[in-house]
């Protein structure tokens, strides 16, 4: 965009290369402030609507239940959810590492150490992904132990399965 403006206005003797960066920063700042203002305004209106709804129910003599108790219950740990989260984190880590390595390799004065530093950026999300996979495995083991039925005092009953 700056090249086009410099090409068009360069014939007139105007140099806008420094001005374009300032306009971009100013525009992004105004956008962020406007987005923050509208989100705060929306949340305020939503809170006010809930308050009016609660008061209208109380005036009519109706019972206003509010928030259900199940909202505050601790969710059950599901092995499948952690498996999917772990895979997402691992693929994200691989994508970040690949992108940073490629970016560092395409630089004119590239060094192998700079490219490897870019690869190291994916270690943190990769570790989070591995932690989710480990927790998925632990949840699966816990659910297997919980589904077994206890017989007497000697041991657990488990269904026979084929061994290959």
N, C-alpha and C. Protein backbone atom coordinates (compact mmCIF):
# COMPACT_ATOMS: atom_id res chain seq x y z
N UNK A 1 0.83 -1.19 0.00
CA UNK A 1 0.00 0.00 0.00
C UNK A 1 0.87 1.24 0.00
N UNK A 2 1.95 1.20 0.79
CA UNK A 2 2.85 2.34 0.86
C UNK A 2 3.56 2.58 -0.45
N UNK A 3 3.89 1.49 -1.17
CA UNK A 3 4.55 1.65 -2.46
C UNK A 3 3.63 2.29 -3.49
N UNK A 4 2.36 1.94 -3.44
CA UNK A 4 1.40 2.52 -4.37
C UNK A 4 1.24 4.01 -4.10
N UNK A 5 1.08 4.36 -2.81
CA UNK A 5 0.95 5.78 -2.47
C UNK A 5 2.21 6.56 -2.81
N UNK A 6 3.37 5.98 -2.54
CA UNK A 6 4.62 6.66 -2.87
C UNK A 6 4.77 6.81 -4.38
N UNK A 7 4.31 5.80 -5.14
CA UNK A 7 4.38 5.90 -6.60
C UNK A 7 3.47 6.97 -7.14
N UNK A 8 2.24 7.05 -6.58
CA UNK A 8 1.30 8.05 -7.07
C UNK A 8 1.67 9.46 -6.63
N UNK A 9 2.02 9.58 -5.36
CA UNK A 9 2.32 10.91 -4.83
C UNK A 9 3.79 11.28 -4.95
N UNK A 10 4.63 10.33 -5.36
CA UNK A 10 6.05 10.62 -5.55
C UNK A 10 6.27 11.59 -6.70
N UNK A 11 5.39 11.57 -7.67
CA UNK A 11 5.49 12.50 -8.80
C UNK A 11 5.23 13.93 -8.35
N UNK A 12 4.46 14.08 -7.27
CA UNK A 12 4.18 15.41 -6.75
C UNK A 12 5.25 15.87 -5.77
N UNK A 13 6.16 14.99 -5.44
CA UNK A 13 7.22 15.36 -4.52
C UNK A 13 6.88 15.10 -3.07
N UNK A 14 5.83 14.31 -2.79
CA UNK A 14 5.43 14.00 -1.42
C UNK A 14 5.96 12.62 -1.04
N UNK A 15 6.59 12.51 0.11
CA UNK A 15 7.10 11.24 0.61
C UNK A 15 6.24 10.81 1.80
N UNK A 16 5.51 9.72 1.63
CA UNK A 16 4.59 9.27 2.67
C UNK A 16 5.06 8.00 3.37
N UNK A 17 6.31 7.62 3.22
CA UNK A 17 6.75 6.36 3.80
C UNK A 17 6.67 6.38 5.32
N UNK A 18 7.05 7.45 5.98
CA UNK A 18 6.97 7.53 7.43
C UNK A 18 5.55 7.77 7.91
N UNK A 19 4.76 8.45 7.11
CA UNK A 19 3.39 8.78 7.50
C UNK A 19 2.49 7.54 7.45
N UNK A 20 2.74 6.62 6.53
CA UNK A 20 1.91 5.43 6.40
C UNK A 20 2.02 4.56 7.66
N UNK A 21 3.21 4.43 8.24
CA UNK A 21 3.37 3.64 9.46
C UNK A 21 2.62 4.27 10.62
N UNK A 22 2.66 5.58 10.72
CA UNK A 22 1.96 6.27 11.81
C UNK A 22 0.45 6.15 11.65
N UNK A 23 -0.03 6.24 10.42
CA UNK A 23 -1.47 6.10 10.19
C UNK A 23 -1.92 4.69 10.53
N UNK A 24 -1.11 3.71 10.19
CA UNK A 24 -1.46 2.32 10.51
C UNK A 24 -1.54 2.11 12.01
N UNK A 25 -0.57 2.60 12.75
CA UNK A 25 -0.58 2.45 14.21
C UNK A 25 -1.77 3.19 14.81
N UNK A 26 -2.05 4.38 14.33
CA UNK A 26 -3.19 5.16 14.82
C UNK A 26 -4.50 4.45 14.52
N UNK A 27 -4.63 3.90 13.32
CA UNK A 27 -5.85 3.19 12.95
C UNK A 27 -6.08 1.95 13.80
N UNK A 28 -5.02 1.18 14.04
CA UNK A 28 -5.17 -0.01 14.87
C UNK A 28 -5.49 0.35 16.32
N UNK A 29 -4.93 1.45 16.81
CA UNK A 29 -5.24 1.90 18.17
C UNK A 29 -6.70 2.30 18.29
N UNK A 30 -7.19 3.04 17.32
CA UNK A 30 -8.61 3.46 17.33
C UNK A 30 -9.51 2.23 17.24
N UNK A 31 -9.14 1.27 16.41
CA UNK A 31 -9.94 0.05 16.28
C UNK A 31 -9.99 -0.70 17.61
N UNK A 32 -8.86 -0.85 18.29
CA UNK A 32 -8.83 -1.56 19.57
C UNK A 32 -9.65 -0.84 20.62
N UNK A 33 -9.56 0.48 20.67
CA UNK A 33 -10.35 1.25 21.64
C UNK A 33 -11.84 1.13 21.36
N UNK A 34 -12.23 1.20 20.08
CA UNK A 34 -13.65 1.08 19.73
C UNK A 34 -14.17 -0.32 20.07
N UNK A 35 -13.38 -1.33 19.81
CA UNK A 35 -13.79 -2.69 20.13
C UNK A 35 -13.96 -2.87 21.63
N UNK A 36 -13.03 -2.32 22.42
CA UNK A 36 -13.15 -2.39 23.87
C UNK A 36 -14.38 -1.65 24.38
N UNK A 37 -14.64 -0.46 23.81
CA UNK A 37 -15.81 0.33 24.22
C UNK A 37 -17.10 -0.43 23.95
N UNK A 38 -17.24 -0.99 22.75
CA UNK A 38 -18.47 -1.69 22.41
C UNK A 38 -18.63 -2.98 23.22
N UNK A 39 -17.54 -3.67 23.52
CA UNK A 39 -17.68 -4.89 24.32
C UNK A 39 -18.09 -4.56 25.75
N UNK A 40 -17.53 -3.50 26.34
CA UNK A 40 -17.92 -3.09 27.69
C UNK A 40 -19.37 -2.64 27.71
N UNK A 41 -19.78 -1.92 26.68
CA UNK A 41 -21.16 -1.46 26.58
C UNK A 41 -22.12 -2.64 26.44
N UNK A 42 -21.75 -3.62 25.64
CA UNK A 42 -22.60 -4.80 25.46
C UNK A 42 -22.74 -5.57 26.77
N UNK A 43 -21.64 -5.76 27.48
CA UNK A 43 -21.70 -6.49 28.75
C UNK A 43 -22.54 -5.74 29.78
N UNK A 44 -22.46 -4.41 29.78
CA UNK A 44 -23.29 -3.62 30.69
C UNK A 44 -24.77 -3.77 30.38
N UNK A 45 -25.12 -3.72 29.09
CA UNK A 45 -26.53 -3.88 28.71
C UNK A 45 -27.02 -5.28 29.04
N UNK A 46 -26.18 -6.27 28.86
CA UNK A 46 -26.57 -7.65 29.17
C UNK A 46 -26.80 -7.82 30.66
N UNK A 47 -25.93 -7.24 31.47
CA UNK A 47 -26.08 -7.33 32.92
C UNK A 47 -27.35 -6.60 33.36
N UNK A 48 -27.63 -5.45 32.75
CA UNK A 48 -28.83 -4.69 33.08
C UNK A 48 -30.09 -5.46 32.69
N UNK A 49 -30.07 -6.14 31.55
CA UNK A 49 -31.23 -6.92 31.11
C UNK A 49 -31.50 -8.08 32.08
N UNK A 50 -30.46 -8.76 32.53
CA UNK A 50 -30.65 -9.85 33.48
C UNK A 50 -31.21 -9.33 34.81
N UNK A 51 -30.75 -8.16 35.23
CA UNK A 51 -31.26 -7.57 36.47
C UNK A 51 -32.74 -7.21 36.32
N UNK A 52 -33.12 -6.63 35.18
CA UNK A 52 -34.52 -6.28 34.95
C UNK A 52 -35.40 -7.53 34.88
N UNK A 53 -34.87 -8.58 34.28
CA UNK A 53 -35.62 -9.84 34.19
C UNK A 53 -35.85 -10.43 35.58
N UNK A 54 -34.83 -10.38 36.40
CA UNK A 54 -34.95 -10.90 37.77
C UNK A 54 -35.96 -10.09 38.57
N UNK A 55 -35.91 -8.76 38.47
CA UNK A 55 -36.85 -7.91 39.20
C UNK A 55 -38.28 -8.11 38.71
N UNK A 56 -38.48 -8.27 37.40
CA UNK A 56 -39.82 -8.49 36.86
C UNK A 56 -40.39 -9.80 37.38
N UNK A 57 -39.56 -10.83 37.48
CA UNK A 57 -40.04 -12.11 38.01
C UNK A 57 -40.41 -11.98 39.48
N UNK A 58 -39.63 -11.23 40.24
CA UNK A 58 -39.94 -11.04 41.66
C UNK A 58 -41.21 -10.23 41.86
N UNK A 59 -41.42 -9.22 41.02
CA UNK A 59 -42.63 -8.38 41.13
C UNK A 59 -43.88 -9.21 40.81
N UNK A 60 -43.79 -10.08 39.83
CA UNK A 60 -44.92 -10.92 39.47
C UNK A 60 -45.17 -12.04 40.48
N UNK A 61 -44.28 -12.21 41.41
CA UNK A 61 -44.44 -13.24 42.42
C UNK A 61 -43.94 -14.59 41.96
N UNK A 62 -43.18 -14.61 40.90
CA UNK A 62 -42.63 -15.86 40.40
C UNK A 62 -41.29 -16.13 41.06
N UNK A 63 -40.97 -17.38 41.13
CA UNK A 63 -39.68 -17.75 41.70
C UNK A 63 -38.63 -17.62 40.60
N UNK A 64 -37.62 -16.83 40.87
CA UNK A 64 -36.52 -16.68 39.92
C UNK A 64 -35.39 -17.60 40.36
N UNK A 65 -35.12 -18.62 39.57
CA UNK A 65 -34.15 -19.62 39.96
C UNK A 65 -32.71 -19.13 39.85
N UNK A 66 -32.47 -18.24 38.94
CA UNK A 66 -31.10 -17.77 38.76
C UNK A 66 -30.26 -18.81 38.06
N UNK A 67 -29.10 -19.06 38.60
CA UNK A 67 -28.16 -19.98 37.98
C UNK A 67 -28.36 -21.38 38.56
N UNK A 68 -28.33 -22.34 37.71
CA UNK A 68 -28.49 -23.73 38.14
C UNK A 68 -27.26 -24.18 38.92
N UNK A 69 -27.48 -25.12 39.82
CA UNK A 69 -26.36 -25.63 40.63
C UNK A 69 -25.39 -26.45 39.79
N UNK A 70 -25.87 -27.00 38.67
CA UNK A 70 -24.98 -27.80 37.83
C UNK A 70 -23.90 -26.97 37.17
N UNK A 71 -24.12 -25.66 37.08
CA UNK A 71 -23.12 -24.79 36.49
C UNK A 71 -21.86 -24.78 37.34
N UNK A 72 -22.03 -24.86 38.66
CA UNK A 72 -20.90 -24.77 39.57
C UNK A 72 -20.27 -26.13 39.88
N UNK A 73 -20.89 -27.21 39.40
CA UNK A 73 -20.31 -28.52 39.64
C UNK A 73 -19.04 -28.69 38.84
N UNK A 74 -18.15 -29.47 39.39
CA UNK A 74 -16.90 -29.75 38.70
C UNK A 74 -17.18 -30.72 37.55
N UNK A 75 -16.75 -30.38 36.33
CA UNK A 75 -17.05 -31.28 35.21
C UNK A 75 -16.25 -32.58 35.31
N UNK A 76 -16.86 -33.64 34.81
CA UNK A 76 -16.19 -34.94 34.82
C UNK A 76 -15.02 -34.91 33.83
N UNK A 77 -13.93 -35.52 34.22
CA UNK A 77 -12.77 -35.58 33.35
C UNK A 77 -13.01 -36.66 32.30
N UNK A 78 -12.96 -36.28 31.06
CA UNK A 78 -13.19 -37.22 29.97
C UNK A 78 -11.88 -37.44 29.23
N UNK A 79 -11.51 -38.70 29.04
CA UNK A 79 -10.24 -39.02 28.38
C UNK A 79 -10.24 -38.55 26.94
N UNK A 80 -11.39 -38.64 26.27
CA UNK A 80 -11.46 -38.25 24.86
C UNK A 80 -11.23 -36.75 24.69
N UNK A 81 -11.78 -35.94 25.60
CA UNK A 81 -11.57 -34.49 25.52
C UNK A 81 -10.10 -34.14 25.67
N UNK A 82 -9.43 -34.79 26.62
CA UNK A 82 -8.01 -34.51 26.81
C UNK A 82 -7.17 -35.01 25.64
N UNK A 83 -7.59 -36.09 25.03
CA UNK A 83 -6.89 -36.58 23.86
C UNK A 83 -6.96 -35.56 22.72
N UNK A 84 -8.15 -35.03 22.48
CA UNK A 84 -8.30 -34.04 21.41
C UNK A 84 -7.55 -32.75 21.74
N UNK A 85 -7.60 -32.32 22.99
CA UNK A 85 -6.85 -31.12 23.38
C UNK A 85 -5.35 -31.32 23.18
N UNK A 86 -4.88 -32.49 23.58
CA UNK A 86 -3.46 -32.78 23.43
C UNK A 86 -3.03 -32.79 21.98
N UNK A 87 -3.85 -33.39 21.12
CA UNK A 87 -3.51 -33.41 19.70
C UNK A 87 -3.52 -32.00 19.11
N UNK A 88 -4.49 -31.18 19.53
CA UNK A 88 -4.52 -29.78 19.04
C UNK A 88 -3.26 -29.04 19.46
N UNK A 89 -2.86 -29.19 20.71
CA UNK A 89 -1.65 -28.51 21.18
C UNK A 89 -0.42 -29.01 20.43
N UNK A 90 -0.34 -30.31 20.20
CA UNK A 90 0.83 -30.85 19.50
C UNK A 90 0.89 -30.38 18.05
N UNK A 91 -0.24 -30.38 17.37
CA UNK A 91 -0.24 -29.89 16.00
C UNK A 91 0.04 -28.39 15.94
N UNK A 92 -0.47 -27.65 16.93
CA UNK A 92 -0.16 -26.22 17.00
C UNK A 92 1.33 -25.99 17.23
N UNK A 93 1.92 -26.80 18.09
CA UNK A 93 3.36 -26.67 18.36
C UNK A 93 4.16 -26.99 17.10
N UNK A 94 3.74 -28.02 16.38
CA UNK A 94 4.44 -28.37 15.15
C UNK A 94 4.31 -27.26 14.12
N UNK A 95 3.13 -26.65 14.04
CA UNK A 95 2.93 -25.55 13.11
C UNK A 95 3.77 -24.33 13.45
N UNK A 96 3.81 -23.97 14.73
CA UNK A 96 4.61 -22.82 15.15
C UNK A 96 6.09 -23.08 14.89
N UNK A 97 6.56 -24.27 15.25
CA UNK A 97 7.97 -24.60 15.04
C UNK A 97 8.34 -24.57 13.56
N UNK A 98 7.47 -25.14 12.73
CA UNK A 98 7.73 -25.16 11.30
C UNK A 98 7.73 -23.75 10.71
N UNK A 99 6.77 -22.94 11.13
CA UNK A 99 6.69 -21.58 10.61
C UNK A 99 7.90 -20.76 11.03
N UNK A 100 8.30 -20.88 12.28
CA UNK A 100 9.46 -20.09 12.74
C UNK A 100 10.75 -20.58 12.10
N UNK A 101 10.88 -21.88 11.90
CA UNK A 101 12.06 -22.42 11.24
C UNK A 101 12.12 -21.93 9.79
N UNK A 102 10.99 -21.99 9.11
CA UNK A 102 10.94 -21.52 7.72
C UNK A 102 11.23 -20.05 7.60
N UNK A 103 10.70 -19.26 8.52
CA UNK A 103 10.95 -17.82 8.49
C UNK A 103 12.43 -17.52 8.71
N UNK A 104 13.04 -18.23 9.67
CA UNK A 104 14.46 -17.99 9.95
C UNK A 104 15.34 -18.47 8.79
N UNK A 105 14.94 -19.54 8.11
CA UNK A 105 15.72 -20.03 6.99
C UNK A 105 15.65 -19.11 5.78
N UNK A 106 14.56 -18.39 5.62
CA UNK A 106 14.40 -17.52 4.45
C UNK A 106 15.06 -16.16 4.63
N UNK A 107 15.57 -15.87 5.79
CA UNK A 107 16.25 -14.60 6.01
C UNK A 107 17.57 -14.60 5.23
N UNK A 108 17.97 -13.42 4.72
CA UNK A 108 19.20 -13.37 3.91
C UNK A 108 20.45 -13.78 4.69
N UNK A 109 20.57 -13.35 5.91
CA UNK A 109 21.74 -13.68 6.72
C UNK A 109 21.34 -14.73 7.75
N UNK A 110 20.93 -15.88 7.26
CA UNK A 110 20.44 -16.90 8.19
C UNK A 110 21.58 -17.72 8.75
N UNK A 111 21.38 -18.15 9.95
CA UNK A 111 22.31 -19.05 10.61
C UNK A 111 21.52 -20.24 11.12
N UNK A 112 22.17 -21.35 11.22
CA UNK A 112 21.48 -22.56 11.68
C UNK A 112 20.98 -22.38 13.11
N UNK A 113 21.73 -21.67 13.94
CA UNK A 113 21.31 -21.48 15.32
C UNK A 113 20.05 -20.62 15.41
N UNK A 114 19.91 -19.64 14.52
CA UNK A 114 18.68 -18.82 14.52
C UNK A 114 17.47 -19.67 14.14
N UNK A 115 17.64 -20.55 13.18
CA UNK A 115 16.54 -21.42 12.78
C UNK A 115 16.17 -22.38 13.90
N UNK A 116 17.16 -22.90 14.60
CA UNK A 116 16.87 -23.82 15.70
C UNK A 116 16.23 -23.10 16.88
N UNK A 117 16.55 -21.82 17.07
CA UNK A 117 15.87 -21.05 18.12
C UNK A 117 14.39 -20.92 17.80
N UNK A 118 14.07 -20.78 16.52
CA UNK A 118 12.66 -20.73 16.12
C UNK A 118 11.95 -22.04 16.38
N UNK A 119 12.65 -23.14 16.19
CA UNK A 119 12.06 -24.46 16.46
C UNK A 119 11.78 -24.62 17.94
N UNK A 120 12.64 -24.07 18.78
CA UNK A 120 12.47 -24.21 20.23
C UNK A 120 11.21 -23.51 20.74
N UNK A 121 10.66 -22.60 19.95
CA UNK A 121 9.44 -21.91 20.37
C UNK A 121 8.27 -22.87 20.52
N UNK A 122 8.30 -23.97 19.79
CA UNK A 122 7.21 -24.94 19.87
C UNK A 122 7.32 -25.91 21.03
N UNK A 123 8.35 -25.80 21.84
CA UNK A 123 8.51 -26.74 22.96
C UNK A 123 7.42 -26.56 24.01
N UNK A 124 7.09 -25.33 24.33
CA UNK A 124 6.10 -25.08 25.39
C UNK A 124 4.73 -25.61 25.00
N UNK A 125 4.17 -25.25 23.82
CA UNK A 125 2.88 -25.86 23.49
C UNK A 125 2.96 -27.37 23.29
N UNK A 126 4.11 -27.86 22.84
CA UNK A 126 4.28 -29.31 22.71
C UNK A 126 4.24 -30.00 24.06
N UNK A 127 4.85 -29.37 25.08
CA UNK A 127 4.82 -29.95 26.42
C UNK A 127 3.40 -29.93 26.99
N UNK A 128 2.65 -28.88 26.71
CA UNK A 128 1.25 -28.84 27.15
C UNK A 128 0.45 -29.95 26.47
N UNK A 129 0.71 -30.16 25.17
CA UNK A 129 0.04 -31.24 24.45
C UNK A 129 0.38 -32.60 25.02
N UNK A 130 1.65 -32.82 25.34
CA UNK A 130 2.04 -34.10 25.94
C UNK A 130 1.40 -34.29 27.31
N UNK A 131 1.27 -33.21 28.07
CA UNK A 131 0.62 -33.30 29.38
C UNK A 131 -0.85 -33.69 29.22
N UNK A 132 -1.52 -33.13 28.21
CA UNK A 132 -2.92 -33.53 27.96
C UNK A 132 -3.02 -34.99 27.54
N UNK A 133 -2.08 -35.44 26.72
CA UNK A 133 -2.11 -36.84 26.31
C UNK A 133 -1.86 -37.77 27.49
N UNK A 134 -0.94 -37.39 28.37
CA UNK A 134 -0.68 -38.18 29.57
C UNK A 134 -1.92 -38.21 30.47
N UNK A 135 -2.56 -37.05 30.64
CA UNK A 135 -3.75 -37.00 31.47
C UNK A 135 -4.89 -37.78 30.84
N UNK A 136 -4.97 -37.80 29.51
CA UNK A 136 -5.97 -38.61 28.83
C UNK A 136 -5.76 -40.09 29.14
N UNK A 137 -4.52 -40.51 29.12
CA UNK A 137 -4.19 -41.90 29.43
C UNK A 137 -4.54 -42.23 30.87
N UNK A 138 -4.24 -41.30 31.80
CA UNK A 138 -4.56 -41.52 33.22
C UNK A 138 -6.07 -41.59 33.42
N UNK A 139 -6.83 -40.70 32.76
CA UNK A 139 -8.29 -40.72 32.88
C UNK A 139 -8.87 -42.02 32.33
N UNK A 140 -8.27 -42.52 31.25
CA UNK A 140 -8.74 -43.78 30.68
C UNK A 140 -8.49 -44.93 31.65
N UNK A 141 -7.31 -44.93 32.29
CA UNK A 141 -7.02 -45.97 33.28
C UNK A 141 -7.98 -45.88 34.47
N UNK A 142 -8.26 -44.66 34.91
CA UNK A 142 -9.19 -44.48 36.04
C UNK A 142 -10.58 -44.96 35.69
N UNK A 143 -11.03 -44.67 34.48
CA UNK A 143 -12.38 -45.11 34.10
C UNK A 143 -12.43 -46.62 33.95
N UNK A 144 -11.34 -47.25 33.52
CA UNK A 144 -11.32 -48.72 33.44
C UNK A 144 -11.38 -49.34 34.82
N UNK A 145 -10.68 -48.76 35.78
CA UNK A 145 -10.71 -49.28 37.15
C UNK A 145 -12.08 -49.06 37.77
N UNK A 146 -12.71 -47.93 37.48
CA UNK A 146 -14.02 -47.62 38.07
C UNK A 146 -15.12 -48.50 37.50
N UNK A 147 -14.97 -48.98 36.26
CA UNK A 147 -16.03 -49.78 35.67
C UNK A 147 -15.98 -51.23 36.11
N UNK A 148 -14.86 -51.67 36.66
CA UNK A 148 -14.79 -53.04 37.17
C UNK A 148 -15.65 -53.17 38.41
N UNK A 149 -16.27 -54.32 38.55
CA UNK A 149 -17.10 -54.56 39.75
C UNK A 149 -16.31 -55.37 40.74
N UNK A 150 -16.47 -55.06 41.97
CA UNK A 150 -15.74 -55.72 43.05
C UNK A 150 -16.49 -56.96 43.49
N UNK A 151 -15.80 -58.11 43.54
CA UNK A 151 -16.41 -59.37 43.98
C UNK A 151 -15.73 -59.79 45.27
N UNK A 152 -16.52 -59.95 46.32
CA UNK A 152 -15.97 -60.40 47.59
C UNK A 152 -14.85 -59.51 48.09
N UNK A 153 -13.85 -60.12 48.71
CA UNK A 153 -12.75 -59.34 49.21
C UNK A 153 -11.46 -59.66 48.50
N UNK A 154 -11.52 -60.61 47.56
CA UNK A 154 -10.26 -61.09 47.00
C UNK A 154 -9.78 -60.32 45.78
N UNK A 155 -10.65 -59.88 44.94
CA UNK A 155 -10.15 -59.23 43.72
C UNK A 155 -11.26 -58.59 42.91
N UNK A 156 -10.92 -58.32 41.69
CA UNK A 156 -11.86 -57.66 40.78
C UNK A 156 -12.28 -58.62 39.69
N UNK A 157 -13.48 -58.44 39.22
CA UNK A 157 -13.97 -59.21 38.10
C UNK A 157 -13.72 -58.39 36.85
N UNK A 158 -13.22 -59.04 35.82
CA UNK A 158 -13.08 -58.37 34.54
C UNK A 158 -13.53 -59.32 33.45
N UNK A 159 -14.08 -58.76 32.43
CA UNK A 159 -14.56 -59.58 31.33
C UNK A 159 -13.39 -60.19 30.59
N UNK A 160 -13.59 -61.41 30.13
CA UNK A 160 -12.51 -62.08 29.38
C UNK A 160 -12.38 -61.40 28.04
N UNK A 161 -11.14 -61.26 27.61
CA UNK A 161 -10.90 -60.67 26.29
C UNK A 161 -9.90 -61.54 25.54
N UNK A 162 -9.89 -61.41 24.26
CA UNK A 162 -8.96 -62.20 23.46
C UNK A 162 -7.57 -61.61 23.55
N UNK A 163 -6.64 -62.49 23.58
CA UNK A 163 -5.24 -62.06 23.53
C UNK A 163 -4.65 -62.56 22.24
N UNK A 164 -4.04 -61.70 21.53
CA UNK A 164 -3.47 -62.06 20.23
C UNK A 164 -1.99 -62.33 20.35
